[in-house]
Amino acid sequence: MNDTDDPVLLRRAQVAKWSATAKRVGYLAILLSMIVFVIGFVTDFGPVITSTILICLALSALLLIPALIFGYGVKAADQEDAGQPFRY
């Protein structure tokens, strides 16, 4: 049995991939909220600008919190399998 047949390693790779994607989207949502904030600062903070900023920040929180937790879990599990203690 090689590493590609191990269901635990396959699941861990799936979680790592999902975590990386969620981090990218979460950080892009923060970037978008900053860009919209600057646009609102230069023009006018109307309801559309304010709603967009709040939605982007809420989306980033919903994505980043679990993605960071699961990402650290995958890193810790990989280092545990390698026989090394995990360091944050």
PDB file of N, CA and C in Angstrom:
ATOM      1  N   MET A   1       0.847  -1.193   0.000  1.00  0.00           N
ATOM      2  CA  MET A   1       0.000   0.000   0.000  1.00  0.00           C
ATOM      3  C   MET A   1       0.883   1.243   0.000  1.00  0.00           C
ATOM      4  N   ASN A   2       0.719   2.085  -0.999  1.00  0.00           N
ATOM      5  CA  ASN A   2       1.522   3.302  -1.068  1.00  0.00           C
ATOM      6  C   ASN A   2       0.719   4.496  -0.557  1.00  0.00           C
ATOM      7  N   ASP A   3       1.339   5.664  -0.587  1.00  0.00           N
ATOM      8  CA  ASP A   3       0.708   6.866  -0.030  1.00  0.00           C
ATOM      9  C   ASP A   3      -0.544   7.295  -0.789  1.00  0.00           C
ATOM     10  N   THR A   4      -0.627   6.964  -2.064  1.00  0.00           N
ATOM     11  CA  THR A   4      -1.796   7.385  -2.839  1.00  0.00           C
ATOM     12  C   THR A   4      -3.023   6.537  -2.526  1.00  0.00           C
ATOM     13  N   ASP A   5      -2.843   5.399  -1.879  1.00  0.00           N
ATOM     14  CA  ASP A   5      -3.974   4.539  -1.515  1.00  0.00           C
ATOM     15  C   ASP A   5      -4.483   4.782  -0.099  1.00  0.00           C
ATOM     16  N   ASP A   6      -3.750   5.528   0.692  1.00  0.00           N
ATOM     17  CA  ASP A   6      -4.127   5.764   2.087  1.00  0.00           C
ATOM     18  C   ASP A   6      -5.288   6.760   2.145  1.00  0.00           C
ATOM     19  N   PRO A   7      -6.451   6.346   2.644  1.00  0.00           N
ATOM     20  CA  PRO A   7      -7.606   7.257   2.667  1.00  0.00           C
ATOM     21  C   PRO A   7      -7.407   8.457   3.594  1.00  0.00           C
ATOM     22  N   VAL A   8      -6.610   8.292   4.642  1.00  0.00           N
ATOM     23  CA  VAL A   8      -6.353   9.418   5.551  1.00  0.00           C
ATOM     24  C   VAL A   8      -5.534  10.494   4.844  1.00  0.00           C
ATOM     25  N   LEU A   9      -4.520  10.069   4.103  1.00  0.00           N
ATOM     26  CA  LEU A   9      -3.694  11.036   3.377  1.00  0.00           C
ATOM     27  C   LEU A   9      -4.474  11.699   2.247  1.00  0.00           C
ATOM     28  N   LEU A  10      -5.342  10.932   1.598  1.00  0.00           N
ATOM     29  CA  LEU A  10      -6.175  11.520   0.548  1.00  0.00           C
ATOM     30  C   LEU A  10      -7.123  12.573   1.120  1.00  0.00           C
ATOM     31  N   ARG A  11      -7.742  12.258   2.253  1.00  0.00           N
ATOM     32  CA  ARG A  11      -8.653  13.210   2.899  1.00  0.00           C
ATOM     33  C   ARG A  11      -7.899  14.440   3.388  1.00  0.00           C
ATOM     34  N   ARG A  12      -6.708  14.222   3.921  1.00  0.00           N
ATOM     35  CA  ARG A  12      -5.888  15.341   4.380  1.00  0.00           C
ATOM     36  C   ARG A  12      -5.520  16.251   3.216  1.00  0.00           C
ATOM     37  N   ALA A  13      -5.224  15.668   2.057  1.00  0.00           N
ATOM     38  CA  ALA A  13      -4.906  16.471   0.870  1.00  0.00           C
ATOM     39  C   ALA A  13      -6.123  17.264   0.419  1.00  0.00           C
ATOM     40  N   GLN A  14      -7.307  16.667   0.506  1.00  0.00           N
ATOM     41  CA  GLN A  14      -8.531  17.388   0.158  1.00  0.00           C
ATOM     42  C   GLN A  14      -8.755  18.563   1.096  1.00  0.00           C
ATOM     43  N   VAL A  15      -8.561  18.341   2.373  1.00  0.00           N
ATOM     44  CA  VAL A  15      -8.753  19.417   3.354  1.00  0.00           C
ATOM     45  C   VAL A  15      -7.720  20.513   3.132  1.00  0.00           C
ATOM     46  N   ALA A  16      -6.490  20.150   2.821  1.00  0.00           N
ATOM     47  CA  ALA A  16      -5.448  21.145   2.562  1.00  0.00           C
ATOM     48  C   ALA A  16      -5.783  21.976   1.328  1.00  0.00           C
ATOM     49  N   LYS A  17      -6.302  21.320   0.294  1.00  0.00           N
ATOM     50  CA  LYS A  17      -6.670  22.038  -0.924  1.00  0.00           C
ATOM     51  C   LYS A  17      -7.838  22.986  -0.663  1.00  0.00           C
ATOM     52  N   TRP A  18      -8.859  22.508   0.060  1.00  0.00           N
ATOM     53  CA  TRP A  18      -9.996  23.351   0.399  1.00  0.00           C
ATOM     54  C   TRP A  18      -9.540  24.526   1.250  1.00  0.00           C
ATOM     55  N   SER A  19      -8.667  24.261   2.204  1.00  0.00           N
ATOM     56  CA  SER A  19      -8.180  25.304   3.096  1.00  0.00           C
ATOM     57  C   SER A  19      -7.424  26.380   2.319  1.00  0.00           C
ATOM     58  N   ALA A  20      -6.584  25.976   1.403  1.00  0.00           N
ATOM     59  CA  ALA A  20      -5.827  26.944   0.602  1.00  0.00           C
ATOM     60  C   ALA A  20      -6.754  27.796  -0.261  1.00  0.00           C
ATOM     61  N   THR A  21      -7.765  27.167  -0.851  1.00  0.00           N
ATOM     62  CA  THR A  21      -8.722  27.911  -1.676  1.00  0.00           C
ATOM     63  C   THR A  21      -9.524  28.886  -0.827  1.00  0.00           C
ATOM     64  N   ALA A  22      -9.971  28.446   0.338  1.00  0.00           N
ATOM     65  CA  ALA A  22     -10.751  29.318   1.216  1.00  0.00           C
ATOM     66  C   ALA A  22      -9.905  30.486   1.703  1.00  0.00           C
ATOM     67  N   LYS A  23      -8.628  30.257   1.967  1.00  0.00           N
ATOM     68  CA  LYS A  23      -7.747  31.358   2.377  1.00  0.00           C
ATOM     69  C   LYS A  23      -7.613  32.383   1.263  1.00  0.00           C
ATOM     70  N   ARG A  24      -7.416  31.918   0.038  1.00  0.00           N
ATOM     71  CA  ARG A  24      -7.296  32.848  -1.094  1.00  0.00           C
ATOM     72  C   ARG A  24      -8.548  33.698  -1.245  1.00  0.00           C
ATOM     73  N   VAL A  25      -9.694  33.055  -1.226  1.00  0.00           N
ATOM     74  CA  VAL A  25     -10.950  33.784  -1.398  1.00  0.00           C
ATOM     75  C   VAL A  25     -11.186  34.727  -0.218  1.00  0.00           C
ATOM     76  N   GLY A  26     -10.867  34.289   0.986  1.00  0.00           N
ATOM     77  CA  GLY A  26     -11.035  35.130   2.163  1.00  0.00           C
ATOM     78  C   GLY A  26     -10.166  36.368   2.122  1.00  0.00           C
ATOM     79  N   TYR A  27      -8.907  36.189   1.759  1.00  0.00           N
ATOM     80  CA  TYR A  27      -8.012  37.342   1.669  1.00  0.00           C
ATOM     81  C   TYR A  27      -8.393  38.255   0.497  1.00  0.00           C
ATOM     82  N   LEU A  28      -8.891  37.687  -0.587  1.00  0.00           N
ATOM     83  CA  LEU A  28      -9.380  38.522  -1.691  1.00  0.00           C
ATOM     84  C   LEU A  28     -10.599  39.331  -1.267  1.00  0.00           C
ATOM     85  N   ALA A  29     -11.446  38.758  -0.426  1.00  0.00           N
ATOM     86  CA  ALA A  29     -12.605  39.496   0.078  1.00  0.00           C
ATOM     87  C   ALA A  29     -12.167  40.672   0.937  1.00  0.00           C
ATOM     88  N   ILE A  30     -11.117  40.480   1.735  1.00  0.00           N
ATOM     89  CA  ILE A  30     -10.579  41.595   2.518  1.00  0.00           C
ATOM     90  C   ILE A  30     -10.012  42.671   1.597  1.00  0.00           C
ATOM     91  N   LEU A  31      -9.277  42.250   0.574  1.00  0.00           N
ATOM     92  CA  LEU A  31      -8.731  43.208  -0.388  1.00  0.00           C
ATOM     93  C   LEU A  31      -9.841  43.983  -1.080  1.00  0.00           C
ATOM     94  N   LEU A  32     -10.888  43.281  -1.481  1.00  0.00           N
ATOM     95  CA  LEU A  32     -12.015  43.942  -2.133  1.00  0.00           C
ATOM     96  C   LEU A  32     -12.683  44.941  -1.192  1.00  0.00           C
ATOM     97  N   SER A  33     -12.820  44.576   0.077  1.00  0.00           N
ATOM     98  CA  SER A  33     -13.438  45.507   1.027  1.00  0.00           C
ATOM     99  C   SER A  33     -12.573  46.746   1.214  1.00  0.00           C
ATOM    100  N   MET A  34     -11.253  46.600   1.185  1.00  0.00           N
ATOM    101  CA  MET A  34     -10.375  47.766   1.305  1.00  0.00           C
ATOM    102  C   MET A  34     -10.485  48.665   0.072  1.00  0.00           C
ATOM    103  N   ILE A  35     -10.564  48.052  -1.098  1.00  0.00           N
ATOM    104  CA  ILE A  35     -10.698  48.836  -2.329  1.00  0.00           C
ATOM    105  C   ILE A  35     -12.018  49.592  -2.327  1.00  0.00           C
ATOM    106  N   VAL A  36     -13.092  48.924  -1.943  1.00  0.00           N
ATOM    107  CA  VAL A  36     -14.406  49.576  -1.896  1.00  0.00           C
ATOM    108  C   VAL A  36     -14.418  50.664  -0.828  1.00  0.00           C
ATOM    109  N   PHE A  37     -13.705  50.448   0.281  1.00  0.00           N
ATOM    110  CA  PHE A  37     -13.615  51.475   1.316  1.00  0.00           C
ATOM    111  C   PHE A  37     -12.946  52.734   0.779  1.00  0.00           C
ATOM    112  N   VAL A  38     -11.858  52.568   0.038  1.00  0.00           N
ATOM    113  CA  VAL A  38     -11.170  53.725  -0.541  1.00  0.00           C
ATOM    114  C   VAL A  38     -12.083  54.436  -1.527  1.00  0.00           C
ATOM    115  N   ILE A  39     -12.811  53.666  -2.338  1.00  0.00           N
ATOM    116  CA  ILE A  39     -13.762  54.279  -3.271  1.00  0.00           C
ATOM    117  C   ILE A  39     -14.823  55.052  -2.498  1.00  0.00           C
ATOM    118  N   GLY A  40     -15.330  54.481  -1.424  1.00  0.00           N
ATOM    119  CA  GLY A  40     -16.319  55.173  -0.606  1.00  0.00           C
ATOM    120  C   GLY A  40     -15.752  56.394   0.077  1.00  0.00           C
ATOM    121  N   PHE A  41     -14.489  56.333   0.496  1.00  0.00           N
ATOM    122  CA  PHE A  41     -13.846  57.475   1.147  1.00  0.00           C
ATOM    123  C   PHE A  41     -13.690  58.638   0.176  1.00  0.00           C
ATOM    124  N   VAL A  42     -13.340  58.319  -1.067  1.00  0.00           N
ATOM    125  CA  VAL A  42     -13.134  59.351  -2.075  1.00  0.00           C
ATOM    126  C   VAL A  42     -14.465  59.936  -2.537  1.00  0.00           C
ATOM    127  N   THR A  43     -15.468  59.099  -2.683  1.00  0.00           N
ATOM    128  CA  THR A  43     -16.761  59.576  -3.193  1.00  0.00           C
ATOM    129  C   THR A  43     -17.728  59.810  -2.037  1.00  0.00           C
ATOM    130  N   ASP A  44     -18.589  58.855  -1.795  1.00  0.00           N
ATOM    131  CA  ASP A  44     -19.596  58.995  -0.746  1.00  0.00           C
ATOM    132  C   ASP A  44     -19.919  57.607  -0.208  1.00  0.00           C
ATOM    133  N   PHE A  45     -20.004  57.493   1.121  1.00  0.00           N
ATOM    134  CA  PHE A  45     -20.343  56.221   1.732  1.00  0.00           C
ATOM    135  C   PHE A  45     -21.854  56.014   1.672  1.00  0.00           C
ATOM    136  N   GLY A  46     -22.321  55.576   0.528  1.00  0.00           N
ATOM    137  CA  GLY A  46     -23.738  55.287   0.375  1.00  0.00           C
ATOM    138  C   GLY A  46     -24.063  53.904   0.905  1.00  0.00           C
ATOM    139  N   PRO A  47     -25.329  53.525   0.844  1.00  0.00           N
ATOM    140  CA  PRO A  47     -25.718  52.210   1.358  1.00  0.00           C
ATOM    141  C   PRO A  47     -25.105  51.043   0.571  1.00  0.00           C
ATOM    142  N   VAL A  48     -24.895  51.218  -0.707  1.00  0.00           N
ATOM    143  CA  VAL A  48     -24.307  50.143  -1.521  1.00  0.00           C
ATOM    144  C   VAL A  48     -22.842  49.924  -1.124  1.00  0.00           C
ATOM    145  N   ILE A  49     -22.110  51.000  -0.953  1.00  0.00           N
ATOM    146  CA  ILE A  49     -20.700  50.901  -0.563  1.00  0.00           C
ATOM    147  C   ILE A  49     -20.582  50.255   0.815  1.00  0.00           C
ATOM    148  N   THR A  50     -21.385  50.735   1.748  1.00  0.00           N
ATOM    149  CA  THR A  50     -21.340  50.212   3.109  1.00  0.00           C
ATOM    150  C   THR A  50     -21.729  48.738   3.149  1.00  0.00           C
ATOM    151  N   SER A  51     -22.768  48.375   2.432  1.00  0.00           N
ATOM    152  CA  SER A  51     -23.203  46.974   2.398  1.00  0.00           C
ATOM    153  C   SER A  51     -22.145  46.077   1.776  1.00  0.00           C
ATOM    154  N   THR A  52     -21.508  46.555   0.726  1.00  0.00           N
ATOM    155  CA  THR A  52     -20.470  45.767   0.065  1.00  0.00           C
ATOM    156  C   THR A  52     -19.295  45.518   1.002  1.00  0.00           C
ATOM    157  N   ILE A  53     -18.897  46.554   1.731  1.00  0.00           N
ATOM    158  CA  ILE A  53     -17.785  46.406   2.682  1.00  0.00           C
ATOM    159  C   ILE A  53     -18.146  45.387   3.758  1.00  0.00           C
ATOM    160  N   LEU A  54     -19.341  45.507   4.319  1.00  0.00           N
ATOM    161  CA  LEU A  54     -19.756  44.587   5.380  1.00  0.00           C
ATOM    162  C   LEU A  54     -19.886  43.149   4.885  1.00  0.00           C
ATOM    163  N   ILE A  55     -20.419  42.967   3.705  1.00  0.00           N
ATOM    164  CA  ILE A  55     -20.560  41.626   3.136  1.00  0.00           C
ATOM    165  C   ILE A  55     -19.182  40.999   2.888  1.00  0.00           C
ATOM    166  N   CYS A  56     -18.257  41.782   2.350  1.00  0.00           N
ATOM    167  CA  CYS A  56     -16.912  41.264   2.095  1.00  0.00           C
ATOM    168  C   CYS A  56     -16.207  40.877   3.390  1.00  0.00           C
ATOM    169  N   LEU A  57     -16.351  41.704   4.425  1.00  0.00           N
ATOM    170  CA  LEU A  57     -15.705  41.381   5.699  1.00  0.00           C
ATOM    171  C   LEU A  57     -16.341  40.165   6.359  1.00  0.00           C
ATOM    172  N   ALA A  58     -17.665  40.054   6.270  1.00  0.00           N
ATOM    173  CA  ALA A  58     -18.338  38.875   6.840  1.00  0.00           C
ATOM    174  C   ALA A  58     -17.937  37.611   6.081  1.00  0.00           C
ATOM    175  N   LEU A  59     -17.872  37.693   4.760  1.00  0.00           N
ATOM    176  CA  LEU A  59     -17.448  36.551   3.947  1.00  0.00           C
ATOM    177  C   LEU A  59     -16.027  36.133   4.291  1.00  0.00           C
ATOM    178  N   SER A  60     -15.150  37.103   4.476  1.00  0.00           N
ATOM    179  CA  SER A  60     -13.764  36.769   4.816  1.00  0.00           C
ATOM    180  C   SER A  60     -13.687  36.076   6.171  1.00  0.00           C
ATOM    181  N   ALA A  61     -14.481  36.522   7.129  1.00  0.00           N
ATOM    182  CA  ALA A  61     -14.472  35.875   8.444  1.00  0.00           C
ATOM    183  C   ALA A  61     -15.013  34.451   8.354  1.00  0.00           C
ATOM    184  N   LEU A  62     -16.082  34.270   7.593  1.00  0.00           N
ATOM    185  CA  LEU A  62     -16.668  32.938   7.452  1.00  0.00           C
ATOM    186  C   LEU A  62     -15.724  31.959   6.767  1.00  0.00           C
ATOM    187  N   LEU A  63     -14.904  32.464   5.878  1.00  0.00           N
ATOM    188  CA  LEU A  63     -13.979  31.585   5.159  1.00  0.00           C
ATOM    189  C   LEU A  63     -12.653  31.409   5.881  1.00  0.00           C
ATOM    190  N   LEU A  64     -12.109  32.494   6.418  1.00  0.00           N
ATOM    191  CA  LEU A  64     -10.760  32.429   6.965  1.00  0.00           C
ATOM    192  C   LEU A  64     -10.671  31.692   8.298  1.00  0.00           C
ATOM    193  N   ILE A  65     -11.646  31.846   9.155  1.00  0.00           N
ATOM    194  CA  ILE A  65     -11.553  31.214  10.474  1.00  0.00           C
ATOM    195  C   ILE A  65     -11.431  29.692  10.352  1.00  0.00           C
ATOM    196  N   PRO A  66     -12.361  29.009   9.677  1.00  0.00           N
ATOM    197  CA  PRO A  66     -12.182  27.548   9.566  1.00  0.00           C
ATOM    198  C   PRO A  66     -10.992  27.160   8.695  1.00  0.00           C
ATOM    199  N   ALA A  67     -10.695  27.944   7.653  1.00  0.00           N
ATOM    200  CA  ALA A  67      -9.576  27.595   6.779  1.00  0.00           C
ATOM    201  C   ALA A  67      -8.253  27.634   7.529  1.00  0.00           C
ATOM    202  N   LEU A  68      -8.068  28.633   8.377  1.00  0.00           N
ATOM    203  CA  LEU A  68      -6.830  28.711   9.145  1.00  0.00           C
ATOM    204  C   LEU A  68      -6.732  27.586  10.168  1.00  0.00           C
ATOM    205  N   ILE A  69      -7.834  27.266  10.805  1.00  0.00           N
ATOM    206  CA  ILE A  69      -7.832  26.185  11.796  1.00  0.00           C
ATOM    207  C   ILE A  69      -7.514  24.850  11.128  1.00  0.00           C
ATOM    208  N   PHE A  70      -8.207  24.544  10.039  1.00  0.00           N
ATOM    209  CA  PHE A  70      -7.957  23.285   9.349  1.00  0.00           C
ATOM    210  C   PHE A  70      -6.568  23.256   8.717  1.00  0.00           C
ATOM    211  N   GLY A  71      -6.084  24.400   8.239  1.00  0.00           N
ATOM    212  CA  GLY A  71      -4.738  24.463   7.672  1.00  0.00           C
ATOM    213  C   GLY A  71      -3.670  24.122   8.695  1.00  0.00           C
ATOM    214  N   TYR A  72      -3.824  24.685   9.904  1.00  0.00           N
ATOM    215  CA  TYR A  72      -2.883  24.342  10.970  1.00  0.00           C
ATOM    216  C   TYR A  72      -3.004  22.872  11.350  1.00  0.00           C
ATOM    217  N   GLY A  73      -4.209  22.338  11.327  1.00  0.00           N
ATOM    218  CA  GLY A  73      -4.397  20.921  11.635  1.00  0.00           C
ATOM    219  C   GLY A  73      -3.697  20.019  10.645  1.00  0.00           C
ATOM    220  N   VAL A  74      -3.779  20.346   9.371  1.00  0.00           N
ATOM    221  CA  VAL A  74      -3.116  19.555   8.331  1.00  0.00           C
ATOM    222  C   VAL A  74      -1.603  19.638   8.499  1.00  0.00           C
ATOM    223  N   LYS A  75      -1.088  20.848   8.769  1.00  0.00           N
ATOM    224  CA  LYS A  75       0.357  20.991   8.968  1.00  0.00           C
ATOM    225  C   LYS A  75       0.830  20.197  10.180  1.00  0.00           C
ATOM    226  N   ALA A  76       0.056  20.252  11.256  1.00  0.00           N
ATOM    227  CA  ALA A  76       0.427  19.512  12.463  1.00  0.00           C
ATOM    228  C   ALA A  76       0.407  18.009  12.208  1.00  0.00           C
ATOM    229  N   ALA A  77      -0.595  17.542  11.479  1.00  0.00           N
ATOM    230  CA  ALA A  77      -0.682  16.107  11.188  1.00  0.00           C
ATOM    231  C   ALA A  77       0.471  15.659  10.292  1.00  0.00           C
ATOM    232  N   ASP A  78       0.831  16.486   9.312  1.00  0.00           N
ATOM    233  CA  ASP A  78       1.960  16.136   8.447  1.00  0.00           C
ATOM    234  C   ASP A  78       3.256  16.057   9.235  1.00  0.00           C
ATOM    235  N   GLN A  79       3.475  17.011  10.127  1.00  0.00           N
ATOM    236  CA  GLN A  79       4.702  16.986  10.916  1.00  0.00           C
ATOM    237  C   GLN A  79       4.686  15.842  11.930  1.00  0.00           C
ATOM    238  N   GLU A  80       3.513  15.524  12.462  1.00  0.00           N
ATOM    239  CA  GLU A  80       3.414  14.384  13.387  1.00  0.00           C
ATOM    240  C   GLU A  80       3.744  13.086  12.663  1.00  0.00           C
ATOM    241  N   ASP A  81       3.276  12.942  11.421  1.00  0.00           N
ATOM    242  CA  ASP A  81       3.603  11.744  10.650  1.00  0.00           C
ATOM    243  C   ASP A  81       5.092  11.658  10.344  1.00  0.00           C
ATOM    244  N   ALA A  82       5.733  12.831  10.207  1.00  0.00           N
ATOM    245  CA  ALA A  82       7.169  12.837   9.934  1.00  0.00           C
ATOM    246  C   ALA A  82       7.997  12.654  11.205  1.00  0.00           C
ATOM    247  N   GLY A  83       7.340  12.629  12.360  1.00  0.00           N
ATOM    248  CA  GLY A  83       8.058  12.424  13.614  1.00  0.00           C
ATOM    249  C   GLY A  83       8.622  13.684  14.210  1.00  0.00           C
ATOM    250  N   GLN A  84       8.155  14.832  13.760  1.00  0.00           N
ATOM    251  CA  GLN A  84       8.646  16.117  14.269  1.00  0.00           C
ATOM    252  C   GLN A  84       7.545  16.779  15.084  1.00  0.00           C
ATOM    253  N   PRO A  85       7.914  17.483  16.149  1.00  0.00           N
ATOM    254  CA  PRO A  85       6.893  18.227  16.879  1.00  0.00           C
ATOM    255  C   PRO A  85       6.436  19.430  16.064  1.00  0.00           C
ATOM    256  N   PHE A  86       5.172  19.766  16.164  1.00  0.00           N
ATOM    257  CA  PHE A  86       4.637  20.891  15.391  1.00  0.00           C
ATOM    258  C   PHE A  86       4.928  22.186  16.103  1.00  0.00           C
ATOM    259  N   ARG A  87       5.441  23.136  15.370  1.00  0.00           N
ATOM    260  CA  ARG A  87       5.700  24.483  15.900  1.00  0.00           C
ATOM    261  C   ARG A  87       4.904  25.466  15.082  1.00  0.00           C
ATOM    262  N   TYR A  88       4.186  26.325  15.775  1.00  0.00           N
ATOM    263  CA  TYR A  88       3.346  27.327  15.097  1.00  0.00           C
ATOM    264  C   TYR A  88       4.234  28.354  14.540  1.00  0.00           C
TER     265      TYR A  88
END
